Amino acid sequence: MIHFLSPNMDFTGLVILIILIMIGPSILLTIIGFIVRKKNKKTAKILFIIATVYLIISLGVCGALISGF
């Protein structure tokens, strides 16, 4: 019989995936904001704001998941 939660399991891949979900989209939006900044400053500012809000929310939600609350 397969035990899904055995004591010898390694969850580092899961933690890395959660961290990528937390930080990845905000980094991508920031890079797109710097690229768009040359042509349209207002759109770049909106992308920076969205990236910041996403980072704050994701650190709160995923951080609570990682810490066990």
PDB file of N, CA and C in Angstrom:
ATOM      1  N   MET A   1       0.840  -1.184   0.000  1.00  0.00           N
ATOM      2  CA  MET A   1       0.000   0.000   0.000  1.00  0.00           C
ATOM      3  C   MET A   1       0.886   1.248   0.000  1.00  0.00           C
ATOM      4  N   ILE A   2       0.486   2.239  -0.768  1.00  0.00           N
ATOM      5  CA  ILE A   2       1.255   3.475  -0.870  1.00  0.00           C
ATOM      6  C   ILE A   2       0.800   4.446   0.225  1.00  0.00           C
ATOM      7  N   HIS A   3       1.756   4.970   0.944  1.00  0.00           N
ATOM      8  CA  HIS A   3       1.454   5.981   1.959  1.00  0.00           C
ATOM      9  C   HIS A   3       1.727   7.351   1.363  1.00  0.00           C
ATOM     10  N   PHE A   4       0.708   8.186   1.283  1.00  0.00           N
ATOM     11  CA  PHE A   4       0.853   9.486   0.645  1.00  0.00           C
ATOM     12  C   PHE A   4       1.599  10.491   1.506  1.00  0.00           C
ATOM     13  N   LEU A   5       1.527  10.363   2.795  1.00  0.00           N
ATOM     14  CA  LEU A   5       2.214  11.294   3.689  1.00  0.00           C
ATOM     15  C   LEU A   5       3.144  10.527   4.622  1.00  0.00           C
ATOM     16  N   SER A   6       4.143   9.908   4.060  1.00  0.00           N
ATOM     17  CA  SER A   6       5.096   9.183   4.893  1.00  0.00           C
ATOM     18  C   SER A   6       6.086  10.161   5.513  1.00  0.00           C
ATOM     19  N   PRO A   7       6.721   9.786   6.603  1.00  0.00           N
ATOM     20  CA  PRO A   7       7.647  10.707   7.271  1.00  0.00           C
ATOM     21  C   PRO A   7       8.887  11.045   6.450  1.00  0.00           C
ATOM     22  N   ASN A   8       9.212  10.242   5.454  1.00  0.00           N
ATOM     23  CA  ASN A   8      10.430  10.479   4.680  1.00  0.00           C
ATOM     24  C   ASN A   8      10.198  11.310   3.433  1.00  0.00           C
ATOM     25  N   MET A   9       9.022  11.891   3.247  1.00  0.00           N
ATOM     26  CA  MET A   9       8.730  12.653   2.030  1.00  0.00           C
ATOM     27  C   MET A   9       9.419  14.006   2.065  1.00  0.00           C
ATOM     28  N   ASP A  10       9.791  14.472   0.881  1.00  0.00           N
ATOM     29  CA  ASP A  10      10.474  15.749   0.745  1.00  0.00           C
ATOM     30  C   ASP A  10       9.548  16.724   0.020  1.00  0.00           C
ATOM     31  N   PHE A  11       9.204  17.821   0.663  1.00  0.00           N
ATOM     32  CA  PHE A  11       8.262  18.781   0.109  1.00  0.00           C
ATOM     33  C   PHE A  11       8.935  20.049  -0.416  1.00  0.00           C
ATOM     34  N   THR A  12      10.210  19.999  -0.746  1.00  0.00           N
ATOM     35  CA  THR A  12      10.888  21.202  -1.221  1.00  0.00           C
ATOM     36  C   THR A  12      10.350  21.654  -2.565  1.00  0.00           C
ATOM     37  N   GLY A  13       9.959  20.724  -3.420  1.00  0.00           N
ATOM     38  CA  GLY A  13       9.380  21.092  -4.710  1.00  0.00           C
ATOM     39  C   GLY A  13       8.087  21.854  -4.554  1.00  0.00           C
ATOM     40  N   LEU A  14       7.273  21.446  -3.597  1.00  0.00           N
ATOM     41  CA  LEU A  14       6.012  22.129  -3.332  1.00  0.00           C
ATOM     42  C   LEU A  14       6.253  23.536  -2.790  1.00  0.00           C
ATOM     43  N   VAL A  15       7.233  23.683  -1.918  1.00  0.00           N
ATOM     44  CA  VAL A  15       7.552  25.000  -1.361  1.00  0.00           C
ATOM     45  C   VAL A  15       8.079  25.923  -2.455  1.00  0.00           C
ATOM     46  N   ILE A  16       8.924  25.392  -3.341  1.00  0.00           N
ATOM     47  CA  ILE A  16       9.444  26.198  -4.445  1.00  0.00           C
ATOM     48  C   ILE A  16       8.317  26.623  -5.375  1.00  0.00           C
ATOM     49  N   LEU A  17       7.364  25.731  -5.644  1.00  0.00           N
ATOM     50  CA  LEU A  17       6.217  26.068  -6.486  1.00  0.00           C
ATOM     51  C   LEU A  17       5.376  27.171  -5.858  1.00  0.00           C
ATOM     52  N   ILE A  18       5.134  27.097  -4.564  1.00  0.00           N
ATOM     53  CA  ILE A  18       4.348  28.131  -3.885  1.00  0.00           C
ATOM     54  C   ILE A  18       5.087  29.468  -3.914  1.00  0.00           C
ATOM     55  N   ILE A  19       6.396  29.446  -3.731  1.00  0.00           N
ATOM     56  CA  ILE A  19       7.171  30.692  -3.785  1.00  0.00           C
ATOM     57  C   ILE A  19       7.151  31.287  -5.190  1.00  0.00           C
ATOM     58  N   LEU A  20       7.227  30.430  -6.224  1.00  0.00           N
ATOM     59  CA  LEU A  20       7.131  30.932  -7.594  1.00  0.00           C
ATOM     60  C   LEU A  20       5.768  31.536  -7.878  1.00  0.00           C
ATOM     61  N   ILE A  21       4.711  30.948  -7.324  1.00  0.00           N
ATOM     62  CA  ILE A  21       3.374  31.520  -7.488  1.00  0.00           C
ATOM     63  C   ILE A  21       3.272  32.850  -6.751  1.00  0.00           C
ATOM     64  N   MET A  22       3.967  32.981  -5.618  1.00  0.00           N
ATOM     65  CA  MET A  22       3.929  34.233  -4.853  1.00  0.00           C
ATOM     66  C   MET A  22       4.647  35.362  -5.585  1.00  0.00           C
ATOM     67  N   ILE A  23       5.845  35.094  -6.066  1.00  0.00           N
ATOM     68  CA  ILE A  23       6.708  36.164  -6.542  1.00  0.00           C
ATOM     69  C   ILE A  23       6.741  36.282  -8.069  1.00  0.00           C
ATOM     70  N   GLY A  24       6.515  35.190  -8.772  1.00  0.00           N
ATOM     71  CA  GLY A  24       6.667  35.157 -10.221  1.00  0.00           C
ATOM     72  C   GLY A  24       5.853  36.179 -11.005  1.00  0.00           C
ATOM     73  N   PRO A  25       4.522  36.230 -10.824  1.00  0.00           N
ATOM     74  CA  PRO A  25       3.737  37.185 -11.600  1.00  0.00           C
ATOM     75  C   PRO A  25       4.086  38.648 -11.329  1.00  0.00           C
ATOM     76  N   SER A  26       4.429  38.976 -10.096  1.00  0.00           N
ATOM     77  CA  SER A  26       4.779  40.370  -9.813  1.00  0.00           C
ATOM     78  C   SER A  26       6.108  40.747 -10.478  1.00  0.00           C
ATOM     79  N   ILE A  27       7.056  39.808 -10.533  1.00  0.00           N
ATOM     80  CA  ILE A  27       8.315  40.079 -11.244  1.00  0.00           C
ATOM     81  C   ILE A  27       8.046  40.238 -12.736  1.00  0.00           C
ATOM     82  N   LEU A  28       7.188  39.377 -13.287  1.00  0.00           N
ATOM     83  CA  LEU A  28       6.853  39.464 -14.709  1.00  0.00           C
ATOM     84  C   LEU A  28       6.156  40.785 -15.034  1.00  0.00           C
ATOM     85  N   LEU A  29       5.221  41.210 -14.199  1.00  0.00           N
ATOM     86  CA  LEU A  29       4.543  42.491 -14.427  1.00  0.00           C
ATOM     87  C   LEU A  29       5.506  43.665 -14.304  1.00  0.00           C
ATOM     88  N   THR A  30       6.465  43.575 -13.405  1.00  0.00           N
ATOM     89  CA  THR A  30       7.455  44.640 -13.265  1.00  0.00           C
ATOM     90  C   THR A  30       8.348  44.727 -14.498  1.00  0.00           C
ATOM     91  N   ILE A  31       8.769  43.585 -15.022  1.00  0.00           N
ATOM     92  CA  ILE A  31       9.596  43.591 -16.237  1.00  0.00           C
ATOM     93  C   ILE A  31       8.813  44.152 -17.415  1.00  0.00           C
ATOM     94  N   ILE A  32       7.548  43.758 -17.547  1.00  0.00           N
ATOM     95  CA  ILE A  32       6.710  44.304 -18.624  1.00  0.00           C
ATOM     96  C   ILE A  32       6.524  45.807 -18.423  1.00  0.00           C
ATOM     97  N   GLY A  33       6.385  46.246 -17.176  1.00  0.00           N
ATOM     98  CA  GLY A  33       6.253  47.679 -16.903  1.00  0.00           C
ATOM     99  C   GLY A  33       7.474  48.465 -17.326  1.00  0.00           C
ATOM    100  N   PHE A  34       8.675  47.912 -17.083  1.00  0.00           N
ATOM    101  CA  PHE A  34       9.886  48.609 -17.524  1.00  0.00           C
ATOM    102  C   PHE A  34       9.998  48.638 -19.040  1.00  0.00           C
ATOM    103  N   ILE A  35       9.527  47.600 -19.711  1.00  0.00           N
ATOM    104  CA  ILE A  35       9.565  47.583 -21.180  1.00  0.00           C
ATOM    105  C   ILE A  35       8.580  48.596 -21.746  1.00  0.00           C
ATOM    106  N   VAL A  36       7.381  48.671 -21.165  1.00  0.00           N
ATOM    107  CA  VAL A  36       6.335  49.567 -21.673  1.00  0.00           C
ATOM    108  C   VAL A  36       6.612  51.013 -21.292  1.00  0.00           C
ATOM    109  N   ARG A  37       7.437  51.231 -20.283  1.00  0.00           N
ATOM    110  CA  ARG A  37       7.695  52.572 -19.751  1.00  0.00           C
ATOM    111  C   ARG A  37       8.240  53.543 -20.794  1.00  0.00           C
ATOM    112  N   LYS A  38       8.973  53.027 -21.751  1.00  0.00           N
ATOM    113  CA  LYS A  38       9.542  53.893 -22.789  1.00  0.00           C
ATOM    114  C   LYS A  38       8.456  54.502 -23.672  1.00  0.00           C
ATOM    115  N   LYS A  39       7.388  53.730 -23.919  1.00  0.00           N
ATOM    116  CA  LYS A  39       6.345  54.203 -24.842  1.00  0.00           C
ATOM    117  C   LYS A  39       5.187  54.890 -24.119  1.00  0.00           C
ATOM    118  N   ASN A  40       4.755  54.314 -23.002  1.00  0.00           N
ATOM    119  CA  ASN A  40       3.571  54.835 -22.333  1.00  0.00           C
ATOM    120  C   ASN A  40       3.784  54.798 -20.816  1.00  0.00           C
ATOM    121  N   LYS A  41       4.010  55.960 -20.229  1.00  0.00           N
ATOM    122  CA  LYS A  41       4.326  56.025 -18.806  1.00  0.00           C
ATOM    123  C   LYS A  41       3.123  55.714 -17.922  1.00  0.00           C
ATOM    124  N   LYS A  42       1.932  56.080 -18.355  1.00  0.00           N
ATOM    125  CA  LYS A  42       0.743  55.829 -17.545  1.00  0.00           C
ATOM    126  C   LYS A  42       0.452  54.333 -17.447  1.00  0.00           C
ATOM    127  N   THR A  43       0.583  53.620 -18.550  1.00  0.00           N
ATOM    128  CA  THR A  43       0.379  52.171 -18.528  1.00  0.00           C
ATOM    129  C   THR A  43       1.427  51.488 -17.673  1.00  0.00           C
ATOM    130  N   ALA A  44       2.656  51.954 -17.735  1.00  0.00           N
ATOM    131  CA  ALA A  44       3.723  51.377 -16.916  1.00  0.00           C
ATOM    132  C   ALA A  44       3.443  51.594 -15.436  1.00  0.00           C
ATOM    133  N   LYS A  45       2.943  52.771 -15.087  1.00  0.00           N
ATOM    134  CA  LYS A  45       2.620  53.048 -13.686  1.00  0.00           C
ATOM    135  C   LYS A  45       1.511  52.126 -13.190  1.00  0.00           C
ATOM    136  N   ILE A  46       0.510  51.867 -14.027  1.00  0.00           N
ATOM    137  CA  ILE A  46      -0.572  50.954 -13.661  1.00  0.00           C
ATOM    138  C   ILE A  46      -0.031  49.535 -13.470  1.00  0.00           C
ATOM    139  N   LEU A  47       0.880  49.103 -14.349  1.00  0.00           N
ATOM    140  CA  LEU A  47       1.476  47.774 -14.209  1.00  0.00           C
ATOM    141  C   LEU A  47       2.292  47.666 -12.925  1.00  0.00           C
ATOM    142  N   PHE A  48       3.004  48.723 -12.568  1.00  0.00           N
ATOM    143  CA  PHE A  48       3.773  48.707 -11.317  1.00  0.00           C
ATOM    144  C   PHE A  48       2.847  48.612 -10.105  1.00  0.00           C
ATOM    145  N   ILE A  49       1.731  49.316 -10.153  1.00  0.00           N
ATOM    146  CA  ILE A  49       0.772  49.278  -9.047  1.00  0.00           C
ATOM    147  C   ILE A  49       0.150  47.892  -8.932  1.00  0.00           C
ATOM    148  N   ILE A  50      -0.221  47.297 -10.070  1.00  0.00           N
ATOM    149  CA  ILE A  50      -0.797  45.951 -10.051  1.00  0.00           C
ATOM    150  C   ILE A  50       0.218  44.942  -9.525  1.00  0.00           C
ATOM    151  N   ALA A  51       1.480  45.085  -9.924  1.00  0.00           N
ATOM    152  CA  ALA A  51       2.524  44.175  -9.445  1.00  0.00           C
ATOM    153  C   ALA A  51       2.700  44.297  -7.934  1.00  0.00           C
ATOM    154  N   THR A  52       2.660  45.508  -7.426  1.00  0.00           N
ATOM    155  CA  THR A  52       2.815  45.719  -5.988  1.00  0.00           C
ATOM    156  C   THR A  52       1.640  45.142  -5.204  1.00  0.00           C
ATOM    157  N   VAL A  53       0.432  45.391  -5.686  1.00  0.00           N
ATOM    158  CA  VAL A  53      -0.755  44.870  -5.008  1.00  0.00           C
ATOM    159  C   VAL A  53      -0.761  43.340  -5.046  1.00  0.00           C
ATOM    160  N   TYR A  54      -0.386  42.760  -6.201  1.00  0.00           N
ATOM    161  CA  TYR A  54      -0.330  41.301  -6.303  1.00  0.00           C
ATOM    162  C   TYR A  54       0.692  40.730  -5.334  1.00  0.00           C
ATOM    163  N   LEU A  55       1.836  41.374  -5.217  1.00  0.00           N
ATOM    164  CA  LEU A  55       2.869  40.885  -4.308  1.00  0.00           C
ATOM    165  C   LEU A  55       2.412  40.949  -2.857  1.00  0.00           C
ATOM    166  N   ILE A  56       1.767  42.032  -2.469  1.00  0.00           N
ATOM    167  CA  ILE A  56       1.290  42.172  -1.088  1.00  0.00           C
ATOM    168  C   ILE A  56       0.237  41.117  -0.769  1.00  0.00           C
ATOM    169  N   ILE A  57      -0.711  40.925  -1.687  1.00  0.00           N
ATOM    170  CA  ILE A  57      -1.770  39.948  -1.445  1.00  0.00           C
ATOM    171  C   ILE A  57      -1.219  38.533  -1.459  1.00  0.00           C
ATOM    172  N   SER A  58      -0.342  38.230  -2.409  1.00  0.00           N
ATOM    173  CA  SER A  58       0.172  36.867  -2.494  1.00  0.00           C
ATOM    174  C   SER A  58       1.077  36.527  -1.316  1.00  0.00           C
ATOM    175  N   LEU A  59       1.848  37.484  -0.834  1.00  0.00           N
ATOM    176  CA  LEU A  59       2.665  37.213   0.346  1.00  0.00           C
ATOM    177  C   LEU A  59       1.794  36.978   1.569  1.00  0.00           C
ATOM    178  N   GLY A  60       0.656  37.628   1.631  1.00  0.00           N
ATOM    179  CA  GLY A  60      -0.244  37.406   2.755  1.00  0.00           C
ATOM    180  C   GLY A  60      -0.921  36.058   2.686  1.00  0.00           C
ATOM    181  N   VAL A  61      -1.468  35.702   1.519  1.00  0.00           N
ATOM    182  CA  VAL A  61      -2.212  34.449   1.389  1.00  0.00           C
ATOM    183  C   VAL A  61      -1.265  33.260   1.381  1.00  0.00           C
ATOM    184  N   CYS A  62      -0.273  33.273   0.497  1.00  0.00           N
ATOM    185  CA  CYS A  62       0.639  32.130   0.403  1.00  0.00           C
ATOM    186  C   CYS A  62       1.561  32.060   1.619  1.00  0.00           C
ATOM    187  N   GLY A  63       1.897  33.199   2.177  1.00  0.00           N
ATOM    188  CA  GLY A  63       2.700  33.184   3.390  1.00  0.00           C
ATOM    189  C   GLY A  63       1.945  32.531   4.543  1.00  0.00           C
ATOM    190  N   ALA A  64       0.649  32.760   4.600  1.00  0.00           N
ATOM    191  CA  ALA A  64      -0.155  32.097   5.628  1.00  0.00           C
ATOM    192  C   ALA A  64      -0.225  30.601   5.363  1.00  0.00           C
ATOM    193  N   LEU A  65      -0.289  30.199   4.096  1.00  0.00           N
ATOM    194  CA  LEU A  65      -0.309  28.773   3.770  1.00  0.00           C
ATOM    195  C   LEU A  65       1.010  28.108   4.150  1.00  0.00           C
ATOM    196  N   ILE A  66       2.120  28.790   3.868  1.00  0.00           N
ATOM    197  CA  ILE A  66       3.420  28.200   4.186  1.00  0.00           C
ATOM    198  C   ILE A  66       3.623  28.114   5.699  1.00  0.00           C
ATOM    199  N   SER A  67       3.223  29.138   6.423  1.00  0.00           N
ATOM    200  CA  SER A  67       3.460  29.128   7.866  1.00  0.00           C
ATOM    201  C   SER A  67       2.498  28.223   8.624  1.00  0.00           C
ATOM    202  N   GLY A  68       1.399  27.837   8.003  1.00  0.00           N
ATOM    203  CA  GLY A  68       0.509  26.863   8.622  1.00  0.00           C
ATOM    204  C   GLY A  68      -0.711  27.434   9.308  1.00  0.00           C
ATOM    205  N   PHE A  69      -1.095  28.649   9.012  1.00  0.00           N
ATOM    206  CA  PHE A  69      -2.294  29.214   9.633  1.00  0.00           C
ATOM    207  C   PHE A  69      -3.519  28.785   8.885  1.00  0.00           C
TER     208      PHE A  69
END
